[in-house]
Amino acid sequence: MDMLAIKDKKTTIAADVKTKTRRTHYDDTGVNQKHFELYQQFSRNHNVDFYIFFVDRVLGKIYGNRLAVLERPCWHQGIKYPRVEPVKYGRDAGVLIRYWPMCAMEEFAKISKATGEAIRQYEQRNYGEPKKVAQEFFDFNLEPVYAR
């Protein structure tokens, strides 16, 4: 979990932020199944909504949703979601990933092209490049989509 937020001393949410683009050949995105299980357990144990936010440099957006919403069963483009599949190639071959359709995501903010390029180094898909700690970068020069 990356953050815990409390609003008006009444509403608490927990969230994890992923610097991850949607999949190239499918209209979805996801997280490691083991991480998902930890998020779900935390949400149940502490009776808080858990959000997953995806910072997607390709789409230039930050999107996500509550686990409760993402976990609603649905069909999208002939595929049943949520969906769990193993990674097929690379260093994470065999690791299970839980996927949700992009239509289940809510957009929270847009990111500039410069910000998108700057966060490229934090993506899991950059296997050949060393990862950096995300806190070294984020200046949050975001353009809000709408006021919350």
N, C-alpha and C. Protein backbone atom coordinates (compact mmCIF):
# COMPACT_ATOMS: atom_id res chain seq x y z
N MET A 1 0.85 -1.16 0.00
CA MET A 1 0.00 0.00 0.00
C MET A 1 0.89 1.23 0.00
N ASP A 2 0.56 2.18 -0.85
CA ASP A 2 1.34 3.41 -0.95
C ASP A 2 0.82 4.53 -0.07
N MET A 3 -0.49 4.56 0.16
CA MET A 3 -1.01 5.67 0.96
C MET A 3 -2.29 5.31 1.69
N LEU A 4 -2.51 6.05 2.76
CA LEU A 4 -3.71 5.97 3.56
C LEU A 4 -4.21 7.40 3.67
N ALA A 5 -5.47 7.63 3.34
CA ALA A 5 -6.02 8.99 3.37
C ALA A 5 -7.27 9.02 4.23
N ILE A 6 -7.42 10.11 4.98
CA ILE A 6 -8.58 10.30 5.84
C ILE A 6 -9.20 11.65 5.50
N LYS A 7 -10.50 11.63 5.23
CA LYS A 7 -11.21 12.87 4.90
C LYS A 7 -12.21 13.19 6.01
N ASP A 8 -12.15 14.42 6.48
CA ASP A 8 -13.08 14.91 7.50
C ASP A 8 -13.12 14.03 8.75
N LYS A 9 -12.04 13.35 9.02
CA LYS A 9 -11.93 12.46 10.19
C LYS A 9 -13.01 11.38 10.22
N LYS A 10 -13.61 11.10 9.05
CA LYS A 10 -14.69 10.12 8.98
C LYS A 10 -14.45 9.03 7.94
N THR A 11 -13.95 9.41 6.78
CA THR A 11 -13.79 8.48 5.67
C THR A 11 -12.31 8.16 5.47
N THR A 12 -11.99 6.88 5.49
CA THR A 12 -10.62 6.42 5.30
C THR A 12 -10.55 5.56 4.06
N ILE A 13 -9.51 5.80 3.25
CA ILE A 13 -9.26 4.92 2.11
C ILE A 13 -7.78 4.55 2.10
N ALA A 14 -7.50 3.42 1.53
CA ALA A 14 -6.12 2.99 1.31
C ALA A 14 -5.93 2.89 -0.20
N ALA A 15 -4.69 3.09 -0.66
CA ALA A 15 -4.45 3.06 -2.11
C ALA A 15 -3.05 2.58 -2.43
N ASP A 16 -2.94 2.00 -3.61
CA ASP A 16 -1.64 1.66 -4.16
C ASP A 16 -1.57 2.32 -5.53
N VAL A 17 -0.39 2.82 -5.88
CA VAL A 17 -0.18 3.52 -7.14
C VAL A 17 0.80 2.72 -7.98
N LYS A 18 0.42 2.43 -9.21
CA LYS A 18 1.27 1.67 -10.13
C LYS A 18 1.65 2.54 -11.31
N THR A 19 2.93 2.62 -11.64
CA THR A 19 3.36 3.30 -12.87
C THR A 19 3.36 2.22 -13.94
N LYS A 20 2.20 2.05 -14.55
CA LYS A 20 2.00 0.93 -15.46
C LYS A 20 1.02 1.33 -16.56
N THR A 21 1.39 1.02 -17.79
CA THR A 21 0.49 1.28 -18.91
C THR A 21 -0.47 0.11 -19.07
N ARG A 22 -1.56 0.36 -19.76
CA ARG A 22 -2.49 -0.73 -20.04
C ARG A 22 -1.81 -1.73 -20.97
N ARG A 23 -2.37 -2.93 -21.07
CA ARG A 23 -1.78 -3.92 -21.96
C ARG A 23 -1.91 -3.47 -23.40
N THR A 24 -0.96 -3.89 -24.22
CA THR A 24 -0.92 -3.49 -25.62
C THR A 24 -2.01 -4.15 -26.45
N HIS A 25 -2.24 -5.44 -26.28
CA HIS A 25 -3.16 -6.17 -27.15
C HIS A 25 -4.52 -6.44 -26.53
N TYR A 26 -4.74 -5.98 -25.30
CA TYR A 26 -6.02 -6.16 -24.63
C TYR A 26 -6.41 -4.83 -24.00
N ASP A 27 -7.70 -4.59 -23.90
CA ASP A 27 -8.21 -3.35 -23.33
C ASP A 27 -8.37 -3.52 -21.81
N ASP A 28 -7.21 -3.76 -21.16
CA ASP A 28 -7.24 -3.98 -19.72
C ASP A 28 -5.88 -3.66 -19.09
N THR A 29 -5.84 -3.74 -17.78
CA THR A 29 -4.61 -3.58 -17.01
C THR A 29 -4.78 -4.36 -15.72
N GLY A 30 -3.69 -4.55 -14.99
CA GLY A 30 -3.81 -5.34 -13.78
C GLY A 30 -2.62 -5.25 -12.87
N VAL A 31 -2.68 -6.07 -11.82
CA VAL A 31 -1.63 -6.11 -10.81
C VAL A 31 -1.30 -7.56 -10.47
N ASN A 32 -0.18 -7.73 -9.82
CA ASN A 32 0.23 -9.04 -9.32
C ASN A 32 -0.88 -9.60 -8.42
N GLN A 33 -1.26 -10.84 -8.64
CA GLN A 33 -2.35 -11.47 -7.88
C GLN A 33 -2.04 -11.49 -6.38
N LYS A 34 -0.80 -11.72 -6.01
CA LYS A 34 -0.44 -11.73 -4.57
C LYS A 34 -0.63 -10.36 -3.96
N HIS A 35 -0.29 -9.31 -4.71
CA HIS A 35 -0.51 -7.95 -4.20
C HIS A 35 -2.00 -7.69 -4.04
N PHE A 36 -2.78 -8.10 -5.05
CA PHE A 36 -4.23 -7.94 -4.98
C PHE A 36 -4.79 -8.60 -3.72
N GLU A 37 -4.34 -9.81 -3.41
CA GLU A 37 -4.83 -10.52 -2.23
C GLU A 37 -4.48 -9.77 -0.95
N LEU A 38 -3.30 -9.15 -0.90
CA LEU A 38 -2.93 -8.34 0.27
C LEU A 38 -3.82 -7.10 0.38
N TYR A 39 -4.11 -6.45 -0.75
CA TYR A 39 -4.99 -5.27 -0.74
C TYR A 39 -6.37 -5.66 -0.23
N GLN A 40 -6.88 -6.77 -0.73
CA GLN A 40 -8.21 -7.22 -0.37
C GLN A 40 -8.27 -7.57 1.13
N GLN A 41 -7.23 -8.23 1.61
CA GLN A 41 -7.17 -8.59 3.02
C GLN A 41 -7.11 -7.33 3.90
N PHE A 42 -6.31 -6.36 3.51
CA PHE A 42 -6.20 -5.11 4.26
C PHE A 42 -7.56 -4.42 4.30
N SER A 43 -8.23 -4.36 3.16
CA SER A 43 -9.54 -3.72 3.07
C SER A 43 -10.54 -4.38 4.00
N ARG A 44 -10.58 -5.70 4.01
CA ARG A 44 -11.50 -6.44 4.89
C ARG A 44 -11.14 -6.27 6.36
N ASN A 45 -9.85 -6.43 6.69
CA ASN A 45 -9.42 -6.38 8.09
C ASN A 45 -9.65 -5.01 8.72
N HIS A 46 -9.54 -3.95 7.92
CA HIS A 46 -9.64 -2.59 8.47
C HIS A 46 -10.90 -1.85 8.04
N ASN A 47 -11.78 -2.54 7.30
CA ASN A 47 -13.04 -1.98 6.85
C ASN A 47 -12.84 -0.64 6.14
N VAL A 48 -11.91 -0.61 5.19
CA VAL A 48 -11.66 0.60 4.40
C VAL A 48 -11.73 0.25 2.91
N ASP A 49 -12.15 1.23 2.11
CA ASP A 49 -12.11 1.05 0.66
C ASP A 49 -10.66 1.08 0.21
N PHE A 50 -10.31 0.20 -0.71
CA PHE A 50 -8.96 0.16 -1.25
C PHE A 50 -9.03 0.54 -2.72
N TYR A 51 -8.21 1.52 -3.11
CA TYR A 51 -8.14 1.98 -4.49
C TYR A 51 -6.82 1.54 -5.12
N ILE A 52 -6.86 1.27 -6.41
CA ILE A 52 -5.64 1.08 -7.17
C ILE A 52 -5.64 2.16 -8.25
N PHE A 53 -4.54 2.92 -8.29
CA PHE A 53 -4.36 3.97 -9.29
C PHE A 53 -3.25 3.55 -10.25
N PHE A 54 -3.48 3.73 -11.53
CA PHE A 54 -2.49 3.43 -12.56
C PHE A 54 -2.05 4.74 -13.20
N VAL A 55 -0.74 4.99 -13.19
CA VAL A 55 -0.18 6.15 -13.87
C VAL A 55 0.29 5.65 -15.22
N ASP A 56 -0.44 6.02 -16.27
CA ASP A 56 -0.23 5.47 -17.60
C ASP A 56 0.35 6.55 -18.51
N ARG A 57 1.65 6.46 -18.77
CA ARG A 57 2.33 7.48 -19.57
C ARG A 57 1.89 7.46 -21.03
N VAL A 58 1.51 6.29 -21.54
CA VAL A 58 1.10 6.18 -22.95
C VAL A 58 -0.24 6.88 -23.17
N LEU A 59 -1.20 6.65 -22.29
CA LEU A 59 -2.50 7.32 -22.40
C LEU A 59 -2.46 8.73 -21.83
N GLY A 60 -1.42 9.04 -21.04
CA GLY A 60 -1.31 10.36 -20.44
C GLY A 60 -2.36 10.59 -19.36
N LYS A 61 -2.65 9.54 -18.60
CA LYS A 61 -3.72 9.63 -17.60
C LYS A 61 -3.35 8.89 -16.32
N ILE A 62 -4.03 9.29 -15.27
CA ILE A 62 -4.06 8.51 -14.03
C ILE A 62 -5.49 8.03 -13.89
N TYR A 63 -5.65 6.72 -13.82
CA TYR A 63 -6.98 6.14 -13.70
C TYR A 63 -6.94 5.01 -12.69
N GLY A 64 -8.09 4.54 -12.31
CA GLY A 64 -8.18 3.45 -11.35
C GLY A 64 -9.58 3.36 -10.80
N ASN A 65 -9.70 2.63 -9.68
CA ASN A 65 -11.00 2.52 -9.04
C ASN A 65 -10.85 1.76 -7.73
N ARG A 66 -11.98 1.69 -7.03
CA ARG A 66 -12.03 0.89 -5.80
C ARG A 66 -12.02 -0.59 -6.17
N LEU A 67 -11.40 -1.40 -5.32
CA LEU A 67 -11.40 -2.84 -5.56
C LEU A 67 -12.82 -3.37 -5.68
N ALA A 68 -13.72 -2.86 -4.85
CA ALA A 68 -15.11 -3.34 -4.89
C ALA A 68 -15.72 -3.14 -6.27
N VAL A 69 -15.38 -2.07 -6.95
CA VAL A 69 -15.90 -1.81 -8.30
C VAL A 69 -15.17 -2.68 -9.31
N LEU A 70 -13.84 -2.73 -9.21
CA LEU A 70 -13.06 -3.53 -10.16
C LEU A 70 -13.43 -5.00 -10.11
N GLU A 71 -13.84 -5.48 -8.95
CA GLU A 71 -14.14 -6.90 -8.78
C GLU A 71 -15.54 -7.30 -9.23
N ARG A 72 -16.34 -6.36 -9.69
CA ARG A 72 -17.66 -6.71 -10.20
C ARG A 72 -17.49 -7.52 -11.49
N PRO A 73 -18.03 -8.73 -11.55
CA PRO A 73 -17.89 -9.55 -12.76
C PRO A 73 -18.53 -8.87 -13.96
N CYS A 74 -17.82 -8.93 -15.09
CA CYS A 74 -18.36 -8.36 -16.33
C CYS A 74 -17.68 -9.01 -17.53
N TRP A 75 -18.28 -8.81 -18.68
CA TRP A 75 -17.69 -9.22 -19.95
C TRP A 75 -17.32 -7.96 -20.70
N HIS A 76 -16.11 -7.94 -21.27
CA HIS A 76 -15.68 -6.79 -22.08
C HIS A 76 -14.91 -7.33 -23.27
N GLN A 77 -15.37 -6.99 -24.46
CA GLN A 77 -14.77 -7.44 -25.71
C GLN A 77 -14.56 -8.96 -25.74
N GLY A 78 -15.58 -9.68 -25.27
CA GLY A 78 -15.57 -11.14 -25.30
C GLY A 78 -14.73 -11.81 -24.23
N ILE A 79 -14.24 -11.05 -23.26
CA ILE A 79 -13.40 -11.60 -22.19
C ILE A 79 -14.10 -11.36 -20.85
N LYS A 80 -14.12 -12.39 -20.01
CA LYS A 80 -14.74 -12.28 -18.69
C LYS A 80 -13.73 -11.70 -17.70
N TYR A 81 -14.17 -10.70 -16.94
CA TYR A 81 -13.34 -10.05 -15.91
C TYR A 81 -14.04 -10.13 -14.57
N PRO A 82 -13.27 -10.07 -13.47
CA PRO A 82 -11.81 -10.04 -13.42
C PRO A 82 -11.22 -11.33 -13.97
N ARG A 83 -9.99 -11.23 -14.43
CA ARG A 83 -9.31 -12.33 -15.11
C ARG A 83 -7.93 -12.51 -14.49
N VAL A 84 -7.54 -13.74 -14.25
CA VAL A 84 -6.20 -14.03 -13.70
C VAL A 84 -5.45 -14.88 -14.71
N GLU A 85 -4.27 -14.41 -15.11
CA GLU A 85 -3.44 -15.12 -16.09
C GLU A 85 -1.99 -15.08 -15.65
N PRO A 86 -1.22 -16.11 -16.00
CA PRO A 86 0.22 -16.06 -15.71
C PRO A 86 0.96 -15.23 -16.75
N VAL A 87 2.01 -14.57 -16.32
CA VAL A 87 2.90 -13.87 -17.26
C VAL A 87 3.55 -14.94 -18.12
N LYS A 88 3.61 -14.74 -19.42
CA LYS A 88 4.13 -15.77 -20.33
C LYS A 88 5.62 -15.68 -20.58
N TYR A 89 6.18 -14.46 -20.55
CA TYR A 89 7.57 -14.29 -20.94
C TYR A 89 8.32 -13.42 -19.93
N GLY A 90 9.64 -13.43 -20.05
CA GLY A 90 10.47 -12.52 -19.27
C GLY A 90 10.78 -13.03 -17.88
N ARG A 91 11.33 -12.15 -17.09
CA ARG A 91 11.79 -12.52 -15.74
C ARG A 91 10.64 -12.89 -14.82
N ASP A 92 9.41 -12.43 -15.13
CA ASP A 92 8.26 -12.72 -14.27
C ASP A 92 7.39 -13.85 -14.81
N ALA A 93 7.92 -14.64 -15.76
CA ALA A 93 7.14 -15.73 -16.34
C ALA A 93 6.58 -16.62 -15.23
N GLY A 94 5.28 -16.88 -15.33
CA GLY A 94 4.61 -17.73 -14.35
C GLY A 94 3.92 -16.96 -13.23
N VAL A 95 4.29 -15.71 -13.00
CA VAL A 95 3.65 -14.90 -11.97
C VAL A 95 2.21 -14.62 -12.40
N LEU A 96 1.27 -14.77 -11.47
CA LEU A 96 -0.13 -14.53 -11.80
C LEU A 96 -0.46 -13.04 -11.72
N ILE A 97 -1.19 -12.56 -12.74
CA ILE A 97 -1.62 -11.17 -12.80
C ILE A 97 -3.15 -11.14 -12.84
N ARG A 98 -3.73 -10.28 -12.04
CA ARG A 98 -5.19 -10.09 -12.03
C ARG A 98 -5.50 -8.87 -12.89
N TYR A 99 -6.34 -9.07 -13.91
CA TYR A 99 -6.67 -8.02 -14.87
C TYR A 99 -8.10 -7.54 -14.71
N TRP A 100 -8.29 -6.22 -14.99
CA TRP A 100 -9.61 -5.59 -15.03
C TRP A 100 -9.72 -4.81 -16.32
N PRO A 101 -10.93 -4.69 -16.88
CA PRO A 101 -11.09 -3.96 -18.14
C PRO A 101 -10.95 -2.46 -17.95
N MET A 102 -10.53 -1.78 -19.00
CA MET A 102 -10.38 -0.33 -18.94
C MET A 102 -11.73 0.36 -18.71
N CYS A 103 -12.82 -0.27 -19.13
CA CYS A 103 -14.13 0.34 -18.91
C CYS A 103 -14.51 0.40 -17.44
N ALA A 104 -13.81 -0.33 -16.57
CA ALA A 104 -14.06 -0.29 -15.12
C ALA A 104 -13.24 0.81 -14.43
N MET A 105 -12.37 1.45 -15.20
CA MET A 105 -11.50 2.49 -14.63
C MET A 105 -12.15 3.85 -14.68
N GLU A 106 -11.92 4.62 -13.64
CA GLU A 106 -12.35 6.02 -13.58
C GLU A 106 -11.11 6.88 -13.78
N GLU A 107 -11.23 7.91 -14.60
CA GLU A 107 -10.09 8.81 -14.84
C GLU A 107 -10.03 9.85 -13.73
N PHE A 108 -8.81 10.02 -13.16
CA PHE A 108 -8.63 10.97 -12.07
C PHE A 108 -7.86 12.21 -12.47
N ALA A 109 -6.91 12.08 -13.40
CA ALA A 109 -6.12 13.23 -13.82
C ALA A 109 -5.44 12.92 -15.14
N LYS A 110 -5.01 13.98 -15.81
CA LYS A 110 -4.19 13.84 -17.02
C LYS A 110 -2.76 14.18 -16.61
N ILE A 111 -1.80 13.57 -17.32
CA ILE A 111 -0.40 13.90 -17.07
C ILE A 111 0.21 14.42 -18.37
N SER A 112 1.15 15.33 -18.23
CA SER A 112 1.78 15.90 -19.42
C SER A 112 2.68 14.87 -20.08
N LYS A 113 3.00 15.11 -21.33
CA LYS A 113 3.91 14.22 -22.06
C LYS A 113 5.28 14.17 -21.37
N ALA A 114 5.76 15.33 -20.88
CA ALA A 114 7.05 15.39 -20.19
C ALA A 114 7.03 14.55 -18.91
N THR A 115 5.93 14.64 -18.18
CA THR A 115 5.80 13.83 -16.96
C THR A 115 5.76 12.35 -17.34
N GLY A 116 5.02 12.03 -18.39
CA GLY A 116 4.94 10.64 -18.84
C GLY A 116 6.30 10.08 -19.19
N GLU A 117 7.10 10.86 -19.91
CA GLU A 117 8.44 10.39 -20.27
C GLU A 117 9.33 10.26 -19.04
N ALA A 118 9.17 11.15 -18.09
CA ALA A 118 9.98 11.10 -16.87
C ALA A 118 9.67 9.87 -16.02
N ILE A 119 8.42 9.41 -16.04
CA ILE A 119 8.08 8.24 -15.22
C ILE A 119 8.34 6.93 -15.94
N ARG A 120 8.73 6.97 -17.19
CA ARG A 120 9.01 5.74 -17.95
C ARG A 120 9.98 4.83 -17.20
N GLN A 121 10.94 5.40 -16.51
CA GLN A 121 11.97 4.63 -15.80
C GLN A 121 11.42 3.81 -14.64
N TYR A 122 10.19 4.08 -14.21
CA TYR A 122 9.61 3.35 -13.09
C TYR A 122 8.72 2.20 -13.52
N GLU A 123 8.48 2.06 -14.81
CA GLU A 123 7.60 1.01 -15.30
C GLU A 123 8.27 -0.34 -15.23
N GLN A 124 7.46 -1.35 -14.98
CA GLN A 124 7.96 -2.72 -14.91
C GLN A 124 8.41 -3.23 -16.27
N ARG A 125 7.90 -2.67 -17.35
CA ARG A 125 8.23 -3.15 -18.69
C ARG A 125 9.64 -2.78 -19.11
N ASN A 126 10.31 -1.88 -18.40
CA ASN A 126 11.67 -1.48 -18.74
C ASN A 126 12.67 -2.47 -18.14
N TYR A 127 12.66 -3.68 -18.63
CA TYR A 127 13.49 -4.74 -18.06
C TYR A 127 14.98 -4.46 -18.19
N GLY A 128 15.40 -3.76 -19.25
CA GLY A 128 16.82 -3.54 -19.47
C GLY A 128 17.39 -2.36 -18.71
N GLU A 129 16.53 -1.54 -18.14
CA GLU A 129 17.00 -0.35 -17.45
C GLU A 129 16.84 -0.51 -15.95
N PRO A 130 17.78 0.02 -15.15
CA PRO A 130 17.62 -0.08 -13.70
C PRO A 130 16.46 0.80 -13.24
N LYS A 131 15.70 0.29 -12.28
CA LYS A 131 14.58 1.06 -11.74
C LYS A 131 15.10 2.08 -10.74
N LYS A 132 14.38 3.16 -10.62
CA LYS A 132 14.68 4.17 -9.62
C LYS A 132 13.54 4.23 -8.64
N VAL A 133 13.76 4.84 -7.51
CA VAL A 133 12.72 4.99 -6.51
C VAL A 133 11.79 6.11 -6.95
N ALA A 134 10.50 5.84 -6.97
CA ALA A 134 9.53 6.80 -7.49
C ALA A 134 9.55 8.13 -6.75
N GLN A 135 9.81 8.14 -5.45
CA GLN A 135 9.81 9.38 -4.69
C GLN A 135 10.87 10.35 -5.18
N GLU A 136 11.88 9.88 -5.89
CA GLU A 136 12.92 10.76 -6.42
C GLU A 136 12.36 11.68 -7.49
N PHE A 137 11.25 11.28 -8.13
CA PHE A 137 10.76 12.04 -9.26
C PHE A 137 9.53 12.89 -8.99
N PHE A 138 8.51 12.31 -8.45
CA PHE A 138 7.17 12.88 -8.54
C PHE A 138 7.08 14.31 -8.04
N ASP A 139 6.77 15.21 -8.97
CA ASP A 139 6.51 16.60 -8.63
C ASP A 139 5.02 16.89 -8.80
N PHE A 140 4.27 15.90 -9.26
CA PHE A 140 2.83 15.97 -9.39
C PHE A 140 2.35 17.20 -10.14
N ASN A 141 2.92 17.45 -11.31
CA ASN A 141 2.41 18.53 -12.16
C ASN A 141 1.24 17.97 -12.97
N LEU A 142 0.15 17.78 -12.27
CA LEU A 142 -1.04 17.14 -12.85
C LEU A 142 -2.07 18.17 -13.25
N GLU A 143 -2.86 17.81 -14.24
CA GLU A 143 -4.00 18.61 -14.64
C GLU A 143 -5.25 17.87 -14.15
N PRO A 144 -5.96 18.38 -13.14
CA PRO A 144 -7.14 17.68 -12.65
C PRO A 144 -8.19 17.50 -13.74
N VAL A 145 -8.83 16.35 -13.74
CA VAL A 145 -9.88 16.09 -14.71
C VAL A 145 -11.16 16.80 -14.26
N TYR A 146 -11.46 16.71 -13.00
CA TYR A 146 -12.61 17.41 -12.43
C TYR A 146 -12.39 17.49 -10.92
N ALA A 147 -13.06 18.42 -10.30
CA ALA A 147 -12.91 18.60 -8.85
C ALA A 147 -13.62 17.49 -8.11
N ARG A 148 -13.01 17.00 -7.09
CA ARG A 148 -13.61 15.94 -6.26
C ARG A 148 -14.08 16.52 -4.96
